[in-house]
Structure formats: C-alpha cells, structure tokens
Amino acid sequence: MIVVTSWDDGHPLDERLGELLQRHGFTGTFFVPVRNTEGLPVISGGALRTLAATHEIGGHTLDHVRLAGLPVARAREQVCGGRDQLQQLIGRPLAGFCYPGGRFDAQSMRIVREAGFQYARTVENLVIAPPTDRYRIGTTLQVYAHPPAVLARNLLRYPGRAHKAPLLLRLLAGASLEERLRIAARYAHGRAGVLHLWGHSWELERHGLWQLLDGLLRWLPELGARPQSLAQLVGETR
C-alpha cells in the first residue's frame, strides 16, 4: 500500500506538521499560496525553504482564490504568479498544484497544464486507485471529522460512485474520525491501493487532531505502508 499525504493553505503550522511526518518517515506534499485573502496567515519564506528540504511543495494560487469562473487573465495570473514566487523562494520548479476550495473547471485545468504543472489535486474523497487523470487527482479521506452527509455529498459530486460506495459504507460504520481513518487504511491495504490523506495543519490545531495523526502515522507502517510524495505517485503512474 502506498501512502500519500497532502496539505493545503500553507499555514505556519505546516512547519510543525512537516516535522511530525518526517519523524515517522513520511513525505508530505504541501500546497502553498503566496498570500491568503481568506485571512489565514501563510508560512514564512525561511520556514518554507526548510520545509522544502524534506517535503514536496506545490502551487495553490497567488492569493488562495477559487479559479472556477474567473476571467482567463486573472486565473492565469493567480496560477502563474503563485508558481513563479514559490519557485523563486524554494529554488526549484513545482510539480503539482491544488485547486483552492476544490473548485475548478475546464479552463482552470487548461491553465494549470499550460503553466507547466505536471498534475493537479482535487478534494474528491473515497479514491484508492492510482491517478488516471493527472489534472483531476482524487484523495481517500480528509483528516477532519465530517458528518456523514458531507461524505455522501462528496460521493455524489464526482464520477465513479459505484466503485467508491463500498468504502463509504464502511466509513459510515466508524464512530470516530480515528476509526474512519483506520478503516480507510485497511481498505486500501486489502486492495493494494493508495491511501491518500489530506487536510490542513490549522484544522489539526483547531480541532485537537495532532495526537490522532501522530498515532495514525505510528500505526501505518504495521500495514506495510510505502510513503510517497504526490509527485512520486504521479511519476509512477504515467
């Protein structure tokens, strides 16, 4: 079983998260905006360079702006401007991009591809198969205690419902977030699939989830977890 973790918004707590992942032998992929117009702080340049020494950094627009429906010039400015400033900060090209808020359309996908990104991640859950469309990459589960209705809506929002419904039914039997995460891990392991967990470091802090994540990362190697960055996963499945 391959295990990928990806984290959005570039919050200063990403530095703590990166240290936690590294301590357990995991590589994270961190999608970072240059600024966040929603009011959350963004990791400093120095801390980002430190994070980039051991983890993958990806684009998340210039200002954490939803791309779907934007005029093409503004969307391109957000995608390319964020790419250019991050690359200058860390001193190397970015492989991946994540659509802010999971909102994208055909124009967004085209702009991201033309900007030279090799892949783009969505917020689709319940996926354990390797990616087949590099610009619509799904995930398995968010590290956040969503109510059942949110998980069900995520199932309905994206294609492949019949393939994903069995995992959803198993997750709904879990009484806690920790149980659901372990159910998802066992499900992916039993099918030699990909466990792709994602979230936000600021949510880990806000909801007291650090200990839960630490325990999960400590347990996953018992399933023979093979950690990868998202870029490594995409590179393997081209």
C-alpha atoms as a PDB file:
ATOM      1  CA  MET A   1       0.000   0.000   0.000  1.00  0.00           C
ATOM      2  CA  ILE A   2       1.285   3.429  -0.990  1.00  0.00           C
ATOM      3  CA  VAL A   3       0.565   6.224   1.491  1.00  0.00           C
ATOM      4  CA  VAL A   4       0.422   9.844   0.323  1.00  0.00           C
ATOM      5  CA  THR A   5      -0.410  12.843   2.495  1.00  0.00           C
ATOM      6  CA  SER A   6      -1.122  16.297   1.093  1.00  0.00           C
ATOM      7  CA  TRP A   7      -1.847  19.507   2.976  1.00  0.00           C
ATOM      8  CA  ASP A   8      -3.406  22.764   1.828  1.00  0.00           C
ATOM      9  CA  ASP A   9      -3.216  26.506   2.564  1.00  0.00           C
ATOM     10  CA  GLY A  10       0.445  26.900   3.571  1.00  0.00           C
ATOM     11  CA  HIS A  11      -0.288  27.787   7.194  1.00  0.00           C
ATOM     12  CA  PRO A  12       2.709  28.433   9.515  1.00  0.00           C
ATOM     13  CA  LEU A  13       1.768  25.214  11.355  1.00  0.00           C
ATOM     14  CA  ASP A  14       2.861  23.326   8.234  1.00  0.00           C
ATOM     15  CA  GLU A  15       6.338  23.544   9.734  1.00  0.00           C
ATOM     16  CA  ARG A  16       5.203  21.517  12.765  1.00  0.00           C
ATOM     17  CA  LEU A  17       3.317  19.125  10.516  1.00  0.00           C
ATOM     18  CA  GLY A  18       6.353  18.580   8.324  1.00  0.00           C
ATOM     19  CA  GLU A  19       8.434  17.686  11.382  1.00  0.00           C
ATOM     20  CA  LEU A  20       5.775  15.208  12.542  1.00  0.00           C
ATOM     21  CA  LEU A  21       5.630  13.499   9.155  1.00  0.00           C
ATOM     22  CA  GLN A  22       9.400  13.318   8.885  1.00  0.00           C
ATOM     23  CA  ARG A  23       9.697  11.840  12.366  1.00  0.00           C
ATOM     24  CA  HIS A  24       7.568   8.889  11.243  1.00  0.00           C
ATOM     25  CA  GLY A  25       9.251   8.506   7.863  1.00  0.00           C
ATOM     26  CA  PHE A  26       6.500  10.085   5.743  1.00  0.00           C
ATOM     27  CA  THR A  27       6.861  12.633   2.958  1.00  0.00           C
ATOM     28  CA  GLY A  28       4.174  15.289   2.727  1.00  0.00           C
ATOM     29  CA  THR A  29       3.066  17.372  -0.239  1.00  0.00           C
ATOM     30  CA  PHE A  30       2.246  20.934   0.855  1.00  0.00           C
ATOM     31  CA  PHE A  31       0.174  23.180  -1.411  1.00  0.00           C
ATOM     32  CA  VAL A  32       1.032  26.785  -0.569  1.00  0.00           C
ATOM     33  CA  PRO A  33      -0.479  30.106  -1.668  1.00  0.00           C
ATOM     34  CA  VAL A  34       1.739  33.181  -1.516  1.00  0.00           C
ATOM     35  CA  ARG A  35      -0.978  35.077   0.344  1.00  0.00           C
ATOM     36  CA  ASN A  36      -4.353  34.063   1.728  1.00  0.00           C
ATOM     37  CA  THR A  37      -7.153  36.541   1.143  1.00  0.00           C
ATOM     38  CA  GLU A  38      -9.390  34.470   3.460  1.00  0.00           C
ATOM     39  CA  GLY A  39      -7.448  35.860   6.415  1.00  0.00           C
ATOM     40  CA  LEU A  40      -5.295  32.914   7.473  1.00  0.00           C
ATOM     41  CA  PRO A  41      -1.544  33.517   7.855  1.00  0.00           C
ATOM     42  CA  VAL A  42       0.906  31.924   5.418  1.00  0.00           C
ATOM     43  CA  ILE A  43       4.199  30.230   6.223  1.00  0.00           C
ATOM     44  CA  SER A  44       7.288  32.486   6.037  1.00  0.00           C
ATOM     45  CA  GLY A  45       9.833  32.181   3.252  1.00  0.00           C
ATOM     46  CA  GLY A  46      12.519  30.826   5.555  1.00  0.00           C
ATOM     47  CA  ALA A  47      10.243  28.197   7.066  1.00  0.00           C
ATOM     48  CA  LEU A  48       9.036  27.230   3.590  1.00  0.00           C
ATOM     49  CA  ARG A  49      12.593  26.656   2.410  1.00  0.00           C
ATOM     50  CA  THR A  50      13.203  24.453   5.450  1.00  0.00           C
ATOM     51  CA  LEU A  51      10.015  22.501   4.715  1.00  0.00           C
ATOM     52  CA  ALA A  52      11.016  22.114   1.057  1.00  0.00           C
ATOM     53  CA  ALA A  53      14.261  20.427   2.074  1.00  0.00           C
ATOM     54  CA  THR A  54      12.373  17.271   3.106  1.00  0.00           C
ATOM     55  CA  HIS A  55       8.887  17.591   1.595  1.00  0.00           C
ATOM     56  CA  GLU A  56       7.249  18.446  -1.728  1.00  0.00           C
ATOM     57  CA  ILE A  57       5.904  21.972  -2.255  1.00  0.00           C
ATOM     58  CA  GLY A  58       3.076  22.631  -4.723  1.00  0.00           C
ATOM     59  CA  GLY A  59       1.147  25.625  -6.018  1.00  0.00           C
ATOM     60  CA  HIS A  60      -2.144  26.853  -4.576  1.00  0.00           C
ATOM     61  CA  THR A  61      -2.541  30.171  -6.479  1.00  0.00           C
ATOM     62  CA  LEU A  62      -1.183  33.578  -5.579  1.00  0.00           C
ATOM     63  CA  ASP A  63      -3.967  34.572  -3.161  1.00  0.00           C
ATOM     64  CA  HIS A  64      -5.868  31.324  -2.409  1.00  0.00           C
ATOM     65  CA  VAL A  65      -8.545  32.256  -4.949  1.00  0.00           C
ATOM     66  CA  ARG A  66     -11.168  29.862  -6.364  1.00  0.00           C
ATOM     67  CA  LEU A  67     -10.376  29.526 -10.054  1.00  0.00           C
ATOM     68  CA  ALA A  68     -13.688  28.294 -11.475  1.00  0.00           C
ATOM     69  CA  GLY A  69     -15.463  31.102 -13.308  1.00  0.00           C
ATOM     70  CA  LEU A  70     -12.615  33.613 -13.121  1.00  0.00           C
ATOM     71  CA  PRO A  71     -11.750  35.636 -16.238  1.00  0.00           C
ATOM     72  CA  VAL A  72      -8.963  33.811 -18.028  1.00  0.00           C
ATOM     73  CA  ALA A  73      -6.381  36.579 -17.497  1.00  0.00           C
ATOM     74  CA  ARG A  74      -6.991  36.687 -13.746  1.00  0.00           C
ATOM     75  CA  ALA A  75      -6.966  32.909 -13.412  1.00  0.00           C
ATOM     76  CA  ARG A  76      -3.677  32.745 -15.297  1.00  0.00           C
ATOM     77  CA  GLU A  77      -2.217  35.479 -13.078  1.00  0.00           C
ATOM     78  CA  GLN A  78      -3.201  33.525  -9.967  1.00  0.00           C
ATOM     79  CA  VAL A  79      -1.777  30.214 -11.182  1.00  0.00           C
ATOM     80  CA  CYS A  80       1.415  31.533 -12.778  1.00  0.00           C
ATOM     81  CA  GLY A  81       2.072  34.263 -10.224  1.00  0.00           C
ATOM     82  CA  GLY A  82       1.878  31.794  -7.366  1.00  0.00           C
ATOM     83  CA  ARG A  83       4.089  29.354  -9.255  1.00  0.00           C
ATOM     84  CA  ASP A  84       6.755  31.968 -10.001  1.00  0.00           C
ATOM     85  CA  GLN A  85       7.011  33.321  -6.464  1.00  0.00           C
ATOM     86  CA  LEU A  86       7.143  29.886  -4.842  1.00  0.00           C
ATOM     87  CA  GLN A  87       9.767  28.666  -7.284  1.00  0.00           C
ATOM     88  CA  GLN A  88      11.867  31.726  -6.531  1.00  0.00           C
ATOM     89  CA  LEU A  89      11.519  31.094  -2.791  1.00  0.00           C
ATOM     90  CA  ILE A  90      12.469  27.407  -2.805  1.00  0.00           C
ATOM     91  CA  GLY A  91      14.845  27.489  -5.764  1.00  0.00           C
ATOM     92  CA  ARG A  92      13.336  24.714  -7.874  1.00  0.00           C
ATOM     93  CA  PRO A  93      10.326  24.021 -10.141  1.00  0.00           C
ATOM     94  CA  LEU A  94       6.962  22.938  -8.740  1.00  0.00           C
ATOM     95  CA  ALA A  95       5.488  19.673  -9.988  1.00  0.00           C
ATOM     96  CA  GLY A  96       1.993  19.917  -8.542  1.00  0.00           C
ATOM     97  CA  PHE A  97      -0.951  22.215  -7.982  1.00  0.00           C
ATOM     98  CA  CYS A  98      -4.100  22.035  -5.850  1.00  0.00           C
ATOM     99  CA  TYR A  99      -7.319  23.838  -6.788  1.00  0.00           C
ATOM    100  CA  PRO A 100      -8.271  26.140  -3.865  1.00  0.00           C
ATOM    101  CA  GLY A 101     -11.529  25.006  -2.319  1.00  0.00           C
ATOM    102  CA  GLY A 102     -11.547  22.112  -4.769  1.00  0.00           C
ATOM    103  CA  ARG A 103     -13.232  24.409  -7.317  1.00  0.00           C
ATOM    104  CA  PHE A 104     -12.117  24.023 -10.922  1.00  0.00           C
ATOM    105  CA  ASP A 105     -13.458  23.908 -14.458  1.00  0.00           C
ATOM    106  CA  ALA A 106     -12.114  23.087 -17.906  1.00  0.00           C
ATOM    107  CA  GLN A 107     -10.464  26.495 -18.166  1.00  0.00           C
ATOM    108  CA  SER A 108      -8.736  26.044 -14.791  1.00  0.00           C
ATOM    109  CA  MET A 109      -7.381  22.657 -15.828  1.00  0.00           C
ATOM    110  CA  ARG A 110      -6.065  24.036 -19.094  1.00  0.00           C
ATOM    111  CA  ILE A 111      -4.325  26.975 -17.396  1.00  0.00           C
ATOM    112  CA  VAL A 112      -2.711  24.716 -14.803  1.00  0.00           C
ATOM    113  CA  ARG A 113      -1.468  22.369 -17.524  1.00  0.00           C
ATOM    114  CA  GLU A 114      -0.169  25.257 -19.677  1.00  0.00           C
ATOM    115  CA  ALA A 115       1.620  26.680 -16.629  1.00  0.00           C
ATOM    116  CA  GLY A 116       3.818  23.581 -16.635  1.00  0.00           C
ATOM    117  CA  PHE A 117       2.351  21.776 -13.642  1.00  0.00           C
ATOM    118  CA  GLN A 118       2.563  18.007 -14.019  1.00  0.00           C
ATOM    119  CA  TYR A 119      -0.582  17.308 -12.001  1.00  0.00           C
ATOM    120  CA  ALA A 120      -3.392  18.926 -10.016  1.00  0.00           C
ATOM    121  CA  ARG A 121      -5.231  17.649  -6.940  1.00  0.00           C
ATOM    122  CA  THR A 122      -8.928  17.994  -6.164  1.00  0.00           C
ATOM    123  CA  VAL A 123     -10.911  17.429  -2.939  1.00  0.00           C
ATOM    124  CA  GLU A 124     -12.631  14.294  -4.232  1.00  0.00           C
ATOM    125  CA  ASN A 125     -12.638  11.634  -1.493  1.00  0.00           C
ATOM    126  CA  LEU A 126     -13.054   7.822  -1.440  1.00  0.00           C
ATOM    127  CA  VAL A 127     -10.382   7.149  -4.072  1.00  0.00           C
ATOM    128  CA  ILE A 128      -7.814   4.380  -3.542  1.00  0.00           C
ATOM    129  CA  ALA A 129      -6.811   3.771  -7.172  1.00  0.00           C
ATOM    130  CA  PRO A 130      -3.675   5.317  -8.692  1.00  0.00           C
ATOM    131  CA  PRO A 131      -4.472   8.505 -10.630  1.00  0.00           C
ATOM    132  CA  THR A 132      -5.653   8.153 -14.210  1.00  0.00           C
ATOM    133  CA  ASP A 133      -6.265  11.864 -14.954  1.00  0.00           C
ATOM    134  CA  ARG A 134      -3.265  13.857 -13.750  1.00  0.00           C
ATOM    135  CA  TYR A 135      -5.268  17.096 -13.557  1.00  0.00           C
ATOM    136  CA  ARG A 136      -8.165  15.669 -11.531  1.00  0.00           C
ATOM    137  CA  ILE A 137      -6.395  13.666  -8.831  1.00  0.00           C
ATOM    138  CA  GLY A 138      -8.656  12.488  -6.023  1.00  0.00           C
ATOM    139  CA  THR A 139      -7.932  11.576  -2.407  1.00  0.00           C
ATOM    140  CA  THR A 140      -9.067   8.890   0.007  1.00  0.00           C
ATOM    141  CA  LEU A 141     -10.108  10.853   3.082  1.00  0.00           C
ATOM    142  CA  GLN A 142      -9.675  14.236   4.716  1.00  0.00           C
ATOM    143  CA  VAL A 143      -8.213  14.313   8.224  1.00  0.00           C
ATOM    144  CA  TYR A 144     -11.315  16.068   9.534  1.00  0.00           C
ATOM    145  CA  ALA A 145     -14.435  14.750  11.255  1.00  0.00           C
ATOM    146  CA  HIS A 146     -17.020  15.445   8.567  1.00  0.00           C
ATOM    147  CA  PRO A 147     -20.628  14.417   9.266  1.00  0.00           C
ATOM    148  CA  PRO A 148     -21.916  11.504   7.181  1.00  0.00           C
ATOM    149  CA  ALA A 149     -23.931  13.810   4.908  1.00  0.00           C
ATOM    150  CA  VAL A 150     -20.763  15.577   3.746  1.00  0.00           C
ATOM    151  CA  LEU A 151     -19.116  12.283   2.811  1.00  0.00           C
ATOM    152  CA  ALA A 152     -22.275  11.239   0.951  1.00  0.00           C
ATOM    153  CA  ARG A 153     -22.397  14.546  -0.962  1.00  0.00           C
ATOM    154  CA  ASN A 154     -18.765  14.091  -1.942  1.00  0.00           C
ATOM    155  CA  LEU A 155     -19.662  10.689  -3.367  1.00  0.00           C
ATOM    156  CA  LEU A 156     -22.484  12.186  -5.424  1.00  0.00           C
ATOM    157  CA  ARG A 157     -20.455  15.139  -6.674  1.00  0.00           C
ATOM    158  CA  TYR A 158     -17.842  13.100  -8.545  1.00  0.00           C
ATOM    159  CA  PRO A 159     -17.907  10.186 -11.022  1.00  0.00           C
ATOM    160  CA  GLY A 160     -17.176   6.558 -10.158  1.00  0.00           C
ATOM    161  CA  ARG A 161     -19.857   6.279  -7.468  1.00  0.00           C
ATOM    162  CA  ALA A 162     -20.298   2.527  -7.813  1.00  0.00           C
ATOM    163  CA  HIS A 163     -16.599   1.924  -7.200  1.00  0.00           C
ATOM    164  CA  LYS A 164     -16.480   4.266  -4.190  1.00  0.00           C
ATOM    165  CA  ALA A 165     -19.738   3.347  -2.446  1.00  0.00           C
ATOM    166  CA  PRO A 166     -18.326   0.246  -0.645  1.00  0.00           C
ATOM    167  CA  LEU A 167     -15.687   2.369   1.080  1.00  0.00           C
ATOM    168  CA  LEU A 168     -18.259   4.992   2.020  1.00  0.00           C
ATOM    169  CA  LEU A 169     -20.480   2.363   3.647  1.00  0.00           C
ATOM    170  CA  ARG A 170     -17.554   1.096   5.690  1.00  0.00           C
ATOM    171  CA  LEU A 171     -16.582   4.616   6.739  1.00  0.00           C
ATOM    172  CA  LEU A 172     -20.108   5.402   7.888  1.00  0.00           C
ATOM    173  CA  ALA A 173     -19.846   2.487  10.315  1.00  0.00           C
ATOM    174  CA  GLY A 174     -16.931   4.214  12.028  1.00  0.00           C
ATOM    175  CA  ALA A 175     -17.975   6.078  15.154  1.00  0.00           C
ATOM    176  CA  SER A 176     -14.988   8.436  15.194  1.00  0.00           C
ATOM    177  CA  LEU A 177     -12.521  10.063  12.826  1.00  0.00           C
ATOM    178  CA  GLU A 178      -9.774   7.761  14.072  1.00  0.00           C
ATOM    179  CA  GLU A 179     -11.887   4.695  13.280  1.00  0.00           C
ATOM    180  CA  ARG A 180     -12.679   6.016   9.807  1.00  0.00           C
ATOM    181  CA  LEU A 181      -9.023   6.704   9.047  1.00  0.00           C
ATOM    182  CA  ARG A 182      -8.071   3.182  10.095  1.00  0.00           C
ATOM    183  CA  ILE A 183     -10.971   1.703   8.108  1.00  0.00           C
ATOM    184  CA  ALA A 184      -9.782   3.604   5.016  1.00  0.00           C
ATOM    185  CA  ALA A 185      -6.213   2.402   5.577  1.00  0.00           C
ATOM    186  CA  ARG A 186      -7.227  -1.242   5.925  1.00  0.00           C
ATOM    187  CA  TYR A 187      -9.477  -0.944   2.862  1.00  0.00           C
ATOM    188  CA  ALA A 188      -6.650   0.462   0.735  1.00  0.00           C
ATOM    189  CA  HIS A 189      -4.196  -2.089   2.121  1.00  0.00           C
ATOM    190  CA  GLY A 190      -6.503  -5.016   1.352  1.00  0.00           C
ATOM    191  CA  ARG A 191      -6.744  -3.897  -2.277  1.00  0.00           C
ATOM    192  CA  ALA A 192      -3.063  -2.976  -2.716  1.00  0.00           C
ATOM    193  CA  GLY A 193      -4.230   0.558  -3.349  1.00  0.00           C
ATOM    194  CA  VAL A 194      -3.232   4.107  -2.491  1.00  0.00           C
ATOM    195  CA  LEU A 195      -4.165   5.690   0.828  1.00  0.00           C
ATOM    196  CA  HIS A 196      -4.197   9.444   0.157  1.00  0.00           C
ATOM    197  CA  LEU A 197      -4.917  11.511   3.262  1.00  0.00           C
ATOM    198  CA  TRP A 198      -5.238  15.275   3.057  1.00  0.00           C
ATOM    199  CA  GLY A 199      -6.112  18.209   5.266  1.00  0.00           C
ATOM    200  CA  HIS A 200      -4.942  21.485   6.787  1.00  0.00           C
ATOM    201  CA  SER A 201      -2.468  21.988   9.602  1.00  0.00           C
ATOM    202  CA  TRP A 202      -4.607  24.790  11.031  1.00  0.00           C
ATOM    203  CA  GLU A 203      -7.524  22.335  11.340  1.00  0.00           C
ATOM    204  CA  LEU A 204      -5.306  19.884  13.194  1.00  0.00           C
ATOM    205  CA  GLU A 205      -4.644  22.646  15.707  1.00  0.00           C
ATOM    206  CA  ARG A 206      -8.192  23.983  15.873  1.00  0.00           C
ATOM    207  CA  HIS A 207      -9.742  20.554  16.453  1.00  0.00           C
ATOM    208  CA  GLY A 208      -7.016  18.987  18.561  1.00  0.00           C
ATOM    209  CA  LEU A 209      -6.049  16.346  15.999  1.00  0.00           C
ATOM    210  CA  TRP A 210      -2.268  16.282  16.408  1.00  0.00           C
ATOM    211  CA  GLN A 211      -2.242  13.281  18.735  1.00  0.00           C
ATOM    212  CA  LEU A 212      -4.647  11.388  16.488  1.00  0.00           C
ATOM    213  CA  LEU A 213      -2.419  11.967  13.449  1.00  0.00           C
ATOM    214  CA  ASP A 214       0.704  11.043  15.405  1.00  0.00           C
ATOM    215  CA  GLY A 215      -0.866   7.724  16.418  1.00  0.00           C
ATOM    216  CA  LEU A 216      -2.027   7.021  12.867  1.00  0.00           C
ATOM    217  CA  LEU A 217       1.436   7.676  11.414  1.00  0.00           C
ATOM    218  CA  ARG A 218       2.941   5.446  14.074  1.00  0.00           C
ATOM    219  CA  TRP A 219       0.488   2.626  13.178  1.00  0.00           C
ATOM    220  CA  LEU A 220       0.513   2.751   9.357  1.00  0.00           C
ATOM    221  CA  PRO A 221       3.916   1.030   8.958  1.00  0.00           C
ATOM    222  CA  GLU A 222       2.326  -2.083  10.512  1.00  0.00           C
ATOM    223  CA  LEU A 223       0.319  -2.368   7.272  1.00  0.00           C
ATOM    224  CA  GLY A 224       3.488  -2.206   5.200  1.00  0.00           C
ATOM    225  CA  ALA A 225       2.872   1.412   4.209  1.00  0.00           C
ATOM    226  CA  ARG A 226       5.153   2.742   1.487  1.00  0.00           C
ATOM    227  CA  PRO A 227       5.288   6.544   1.839  1.00  0.00           C
ATOM    228  CA  GLN A 228       5.482   8.708  -1.282  1.00  0.00           C
ATOM    229  CA  SER A 229       5.042  12.325  -2.234  1.00  0.00           C
ATOM    230  CA  LEU A 230       2.232  13.046  -4.661  1.00  0.00           C
ATOM    231  CA  ALA A 231       4.767  13.852  -7.385  1.00  0.00           C
ATOM    232  CA  GLN A 232       6.359  10.420  -6.879  1.00  0.00           C
ATOM    233  CA  LEU A 233       2.958   8.731  -7.145  1.00  0.00           C
ATOM    234  CA  VAL A 234       2.089  10.583 -10.332  1.00  0.00           C
ATOM    235  CA  GLY A 235       5.510   9.809 -11.773  1.00  0.00           C
ATOM    236  CA  GLU A 236       4.973   6.099 -11.180  1.00  0.00           C
ATOM    237  CA  THR A 237       1.551   6.034 -12.842  1.00  0.00           C
ATOM    238  CA  ARG A 238       2.138   7.994 -16.036  1.00  0.00           C
END
